[in-house]
């Protein structure tokens, strides 16, 4: 089970990345990887 702090950390990372002026293809790909991981944690919590 993931903690709320871990999910918050992922959310904060994504928000910071989205605000970056250096958003390129690789950063977008990396951002979505983190986004999917964070969503997975939330869904995992709901199904337990």
PDB file of N, CA and C in Angstrom:
ATOM      1  N   UNK A   1       0.831  -1.178   0.000  1.00  0.00           N
ATOM      2  CA  UNK A   1       0.000   0.000   0.000  1.00  0.00           C
ATOM      3  C   UNK A   1       0.885   1.254   0.000  1.00  0.00           C
ATOM      4  N   UNK A   2       0.501   2.238  -0.767  1.00  0.00           N
ATOM      5  CA  UNK A   2       1.277   3.469  -0.868  1.00  0.00           C
ATOM      6  C   UNK A   2       0.760   4.499   0.138  1.00  0.00           C
ATOM      7  N   UNK A   3       1.650   5.334   0.589  1.00  0.00           N
ATOM      8  CA  UNK A   3       1.239   6.356   1.543  1.00  0.00           C
ATOM      9  C   UNK A   3       0.776   7.607   0.801  1.00  0.00           C
ATOM     10  N   UNK A   4       0.027   8.407   1.507  1.00  0.00           N
ATOM     11  CA  UNK A   4      -0.438   9.666   0.930  1.00  0.00           C
ATOM     12  C   UNK A   4       0.752  10.551   0.576  1.00  0.00           C
ATOM     13  N   UNK A   5       1.817  10.483   1.368  1.00  0.00           N
ATOM     14  CA  UNK A   5       3.017  11.287   1.089  1.00  0.00           C
ATOM     15  C   UNK A   5       3.644  10.901  -0.246  1.00  0.00           C
ATOM     16  N   UNK A   6       3.672   9.602  -0.564  1.00  0.00           N
ATOM     17  CA  UNK A   6       4.239   9.164  -1.838  1.00  0.00           C
ATOM     18  C   UNK A   6       3.406   9.682  -3.006  1.00  0.00           C
ATOM     19  N   UNK A   7       2.095   9.629  -2.865  1.00  0.00           N
ATOM     20  CA  UNK A   7       1.215  10.117  -3.929  1.00  0.00           C
ATOM     21  C   UNK A   7       1.366  11.630  -4.070  1.00  0.00           C
ATOM     22  N   UNK A   8       1.442  12.337  -2.961  1.00  0.00           N
ATOM     23  CA  UNK A   8       1.615  13.792  -2.985  1.00  0.00           C
ATOM     24  C   UNK A   8       2.936  14.159  -3.658  1.00  0.00           C
ATOM     25  N   UNK A   9       3.988  13.403  -3.367  1.00  0.00           N
ATOM     26  CA  UNK A   9       5.297  13.656  -3.976  1.00  0.00           C
ATOM     27  C   UNK A   9       5.220  13.517  -5.496  1.00  0.00           C
ATOM     28  N   UNK A  10       4.526  12.486  -5.976  1.00  0.00           N
ATOM     29  CA  UNK A  10       4.370  12.297  -7.416  1.00  0.00           C
ATOM     30  C   UNK A  10       3.581  13.452  -8.030  1.00  0.00           C
ATOM     31  N   UNK A  11       2.511  13.860  -7.346  1.00  0.00           N
ATOM     32  CA  UNK A  11       1.686  14.961  -7.845  1.00  0.00           C
ATOM     33  C   UNK A  11       2.511  16.246  -7.942  1.00  0.00           C
ATOM     34  N   UNK A  12       3.275  16.546  -6.905  1.00  0.00           N
ATOM     35  CA  UNK A  12       4.094  17.752  -6.902  1.00  0.00           C
ATOM     36  C   UNK A  12       5.129  17.720  -8.015  1.00  0.00           C
ATOM     37  N   UNK A  13       5.720  16.546  -8.241  1.00  0.00           N
ATOM     38  CA  UNK A  13       6.698  16.392  -9.317  1.00  0.00           C
ATOM     39  C   UNK A  13       6.046  16.699 -10.670  1.00  0.00           C
ATOM     40  N   UNK A  14       4.846  16.140 -10.894  1.00  0.00           N
ATOM     41  CA  UNK A  14       4.157  16.361 -12.163  1.00  0.00           C
ATOM     42  C   UNK A  14       3.817  17.837 -12.363  1.00  0.00           C
ATOM     43  N   UNK A  15       3.337  18.486 -11.324  1.00  0.00           N
ATOM     44  CA  UNK A  15       2.989  19.902 -11.430  1.00  0.00           C
ATOM     45  C   UNK A  15       4.222  20.735 -11.780  1.00  0.00           C
ATOM     46  N   UNK A  16       5.342  20.422 -11.155  1.00  0.00           N
ATOM     47  CA  UNK A  16       6.592  21.135 -11.433  1.00  0.00           C
ATOM     48  C   UNK A  16       7.032  20.922 -12.877  1.00  0.00           C
ATOM     49  N   UNK A  17       6.931  19.699 -13.355  1.00  0.00           N
ATOM     50  CA  UNK A  17       7.334  19.388 -14.723  1.00  0.00           C
ATOM     51  C   UNK A  17       6.448  20.101 -15.742  1.00  0.00           C
ATOM     52  N   UNK A  18       5.141  20.135 -15.473  1.00  0.00           N
ATOM     53  CA  UNK A  18       4.226  20.790 -16.403  1.00  0.00           C
ATOM     54  C   UNK A  18       4.510  22.283 -16.518  1.00  0.00           C
ATOM     55  N   UNK A  19       4.985  22.892 -15.430  1.00  0.00           N
ATOM     56  CA  UNK A  19       5.272  24.315 -15.437  1.00  0.00           C
ATOM     57  C   UNK A  19       6.618  24.649 -16.082  1.00  0.00           C
ATOM     58  N   UNK A  20       7.428  23.639 -16.349  1.00  0.00           N
ATOM     59  CA  UNK A  20       8.766  23.849 -16.894  1.00  0.00           C
ATOM     60  C   UNK A  20       8.715  24.330 -18.342  1.00  0.00           C
ATOM     61  N   UNK A  21       9.593  25.266 -18.673  1.00  0.00           N
ATOM     62  CA  UNK A  21       9.708  25.744 -20.050  1.00  0.00           C
ATOM     63  C   UNK A  21      10.498  24.765 -20.918  1.00  0.00           C
ATOM     64  N   UNK A  22      11.123  23.791 -20.296  1.00  0.00           N
ATOM     65  CA  UNK A  22      11.978  22.854 -21.021  1.00  0.00           C
ATOM     66  C   UNK A  22      11.257  21.551 -21.353  1.00  0.00           C
ATOM     67  N   UNK A  23       9.944  21.593 -21.427  1.00  0.00           N
ATOM     68  CA  UNK A  23       9.168  20.390 -21.708  1.00  0.00           C
ATOM     69  C   UNK A  23       9.464  19.912 -23.131  1.00  0.00           C
ATOM     70  N   UNK A  24      10.115  18.780 -23.278  1.00  0.00           N
ATOM     71  CA  UNK A  24      10.351  18.198 -24.593  1.00  0.00           C
ATOM     72  C   UNK A  24       9.775  16.782 -24.606  1.00  0.00           C
ATOM     73  N   UNK A  25       9.959  16.068 -25.698  1.00  0.00           N
ATOM     74  CA  UNK A  25       9.354  14.750 -25.843  1.00  0.00           C
ATOM     75  C   UNK A  25       9.749  13.803 -24.706  1.00  0.00           C
ATOM     76  N   UNK A  26      11.025  13.783 -24.371  1.00  0.00           N
ATOM     77  CA  UNK A  26      11.494  12.875 -23.321  1.00  0.00           C
ATOM     78  C   UNK A  26      10.883  13.233 -21.967  1.00  0.00           C
ATOM     79  N   UNK A  27      10.797  14.513 -21.677  1.00  0.00           N
ATOM     80  CA  UNK A  27      10.197  14.936 -20.405  1.00  0.00           C
ATOM     81  C   UNK A  27       8.709  14.596 -20.354  1.00  0.00           C
ATOM     82  N   UNK A  28       8.024  14.751 -21.485  1.00  0.00           N
ATOM     83  CA  UNK A  28       6.595  14.403 -21.522  1.00  0.00           C
ATOM     84  C   UNK A  28       6.433  12.908 -21.255  1.00  0.00           C
ATOM     85  N   UNK A  29       7.268  12.098 -21.885  1.00  0.00           N
ATOM     86  CA  UNK A  29       7.203  10.655 -21.686  1.00  0.00           C
ATOM     87  C   UNK A  29       7.463  10.292 -20.221  1.00  0.00           C
ATOM     88  N   UNK A  30       8.466  10.927 -19.633  1.00  0.00           N
ATOM     89  CA  UNK A  30       8.801  10.676 -18.241  1.00  0.00           C
ATOM     90  C   UNK A  30       7.649  11.119 -17.326  1.00  0.00           C
ATOM     91  N   UNK A  31       7.056  12.271 -17.646  1.00  0.00           N
ATOM     92  CA  UNK A  31       5.948  12.789 -16.846  1.00  0.00           C
ATOM     93  C   UNK A  31       4.788  11.798 -16.836  1.00  0.00           C
ATOM     94  N   UNK A  32       4.449  11.259 -18.000  1.00  0.00           N
ATOM     95  CA  UNK A  32       3.338  10.321 -18.054  1.00  0.00           C
ATOM     96  C   UNK A  32       3.655   9.014 -17.340  1.00  0.00           C
ATOM     97  N   UNK A  33       4.908   8.627 -17.319  1.00  0.00           N
ATOM     98  CA  UNK A  33       5.299   7.447 -16.557  1.00  0.00           C
ATOM     99  C   UNK A  33       4.999   7.663 -15.079  1.00  0.00           C
ATOM    100  N   UNK A  34       5.365   8.834 -14.559  1.00  0.00           N
ATOM    101  CA  UNK A  34       5.085   9.156 -13.153  1.00  0.00           C
ATOM    102  C   UNK A  34       3.583   9.288 -12.906  1.00  0.00           C
ATOM    103  N   UNK A  35       2.888   9.873 -13.864  1.00  0.00           N
ATOM    104  CA  UNK A  35       1.447  10.057 -13.740  1.00  0.00           C
ATOM    105  C   UNK A  35       0.742   8.703 -13.646  1.00  0.00           C
ATOM    106  N   UNK A  36       1.123   7.773 -14.526  1.00  0.00           N
ATOM    107  CA  UNK A  36       0.515   6.435 -14.497  1.00  0.00           C
ATOM    108  C   UNK A  36       0.831   5.733 -13.184  1.00  0.00           C
ATOM    109  N   UNK A  37       2.038   5.894 -12.682  1.00  0.00           N
ATOM    110  CA  UNK A  37       2.412   5.277 -11.414  1.00  0.00           C
ATOM    111  C   UNK A  37       1.561   5.831 -10.278  1.00  0.00           C
ATOM    112  N   UNK A  38       1.390   7.157 -10.249  1.00  0.00           N
ATOM    113  CA  UNK A  38       0.580   7.789  -9.205  1.00  0.00           C
ATOM    114  C   UNK A  38      -0.868   7.329  -9.296  1.00  0.00           C
ATOM    115  N   UNK A  39      -1.406   7.251 -10.497  1.00  0.00           N
ATOM    116  CA  UNK A  39      -2.777   6.772 -10.667  1.00  0.00           C
ATOM    117  C   UNK A  39      -2.908   5.325 -10.213  1.00  0.00           C
ATOM    118  N   UNK A  40      -1.916   4.527 -10.525  1.00  0.00           N
ATOM    119  CA  UNK A  40      -1.929   3.133 -10.099  1.00  0.00           C
ATOM    120  C   UNK A  40      -1.979   3.023  -8.587  1.00  0.00           C
ATOM    121  N   UNK A  41      -1.247   3.869  -7.910  1.00  0.00           N
ATOM    122  CA  UNK A  41      -1.249   3.851  -6.443  1.00  0.00           C
ATOM    123  C   UNK A  41      -2.630   4.195  -5.905  1.00  0.00           C
ATOM    124  N   UNK A  42      -3.253   5.207  -6.495  1.00  0.00           N
ATOM    125  CA  UNK A  42      -4.581   5.617  -6.046  1.00  0.00           C
ATOM    126  C   UNK A  42      -5.578   4.492  -6.274  1.00  0.00           C
ATOM    127  N   UNK A  43      -5.528   3.895  -7.457  1.00  0.00           N
ATOM    128  CA  UNK A  43      -6.457   2.796  -7.764  1.00  0.00           C
ATOM    129  C   UNK A  43      -6.210   1.592  -6.868  1.00  0.00           C
ATOM    130  N   UNK A  44      -4.943   1.325  -6.582  1.00  0.00           N
ATOM    131  CA  UNK A  44      -4.593   0.218  -5.691  1.00  0.00           C
ATOM    132  C   UNK A  44      -5.219   0.439  -4.310  1.00  0.00           C
ATOM    133  N   UNK A  45      -5.168   1.664  -3.831  1.00  0.00           N
ATOM    134  CA  UNK A  45      -5.733   2.004  -2.517  1.00  0.00           C
ATOM    135  C   UNK A  45      -7.243   1.776  -2.504  1.00  0.00           C
ATOM    136  N   UNK A  46      -7.919   2.131  -3.602  1.00  0.00           N
ATOM    137  CA  UNK A  46      -9.376   2.024  -3.650  1.00  0.00           C
ATOM    138  C   UNK A  46      -9.852   0.573  -3.692  1.00  0.00           C
ATOM    139  N   UNK A  47      -9.032  -0.315  -4.240  1.00  0.00           N
ATOM    140  CA  UNK A  47      -9.466  -1.704  -4.415  1.00  0.00           C
ATOM    141  C   UNK A  47      -9.089  -2.610  -3.246  1.00  0.00           C
ATOM    142  N   UNK A  48      -8.353  -2.074  -2.284  1.00  0.00           N
ATOM    143  CA  UNK A  48      -7.940  -2.900  -1.157  1.00  0.00           C
ATOM    144  C   UNK A  48      -8.970  -2.849  -0.051  1.00  0.00           C
TER     145      UNK A  48
END
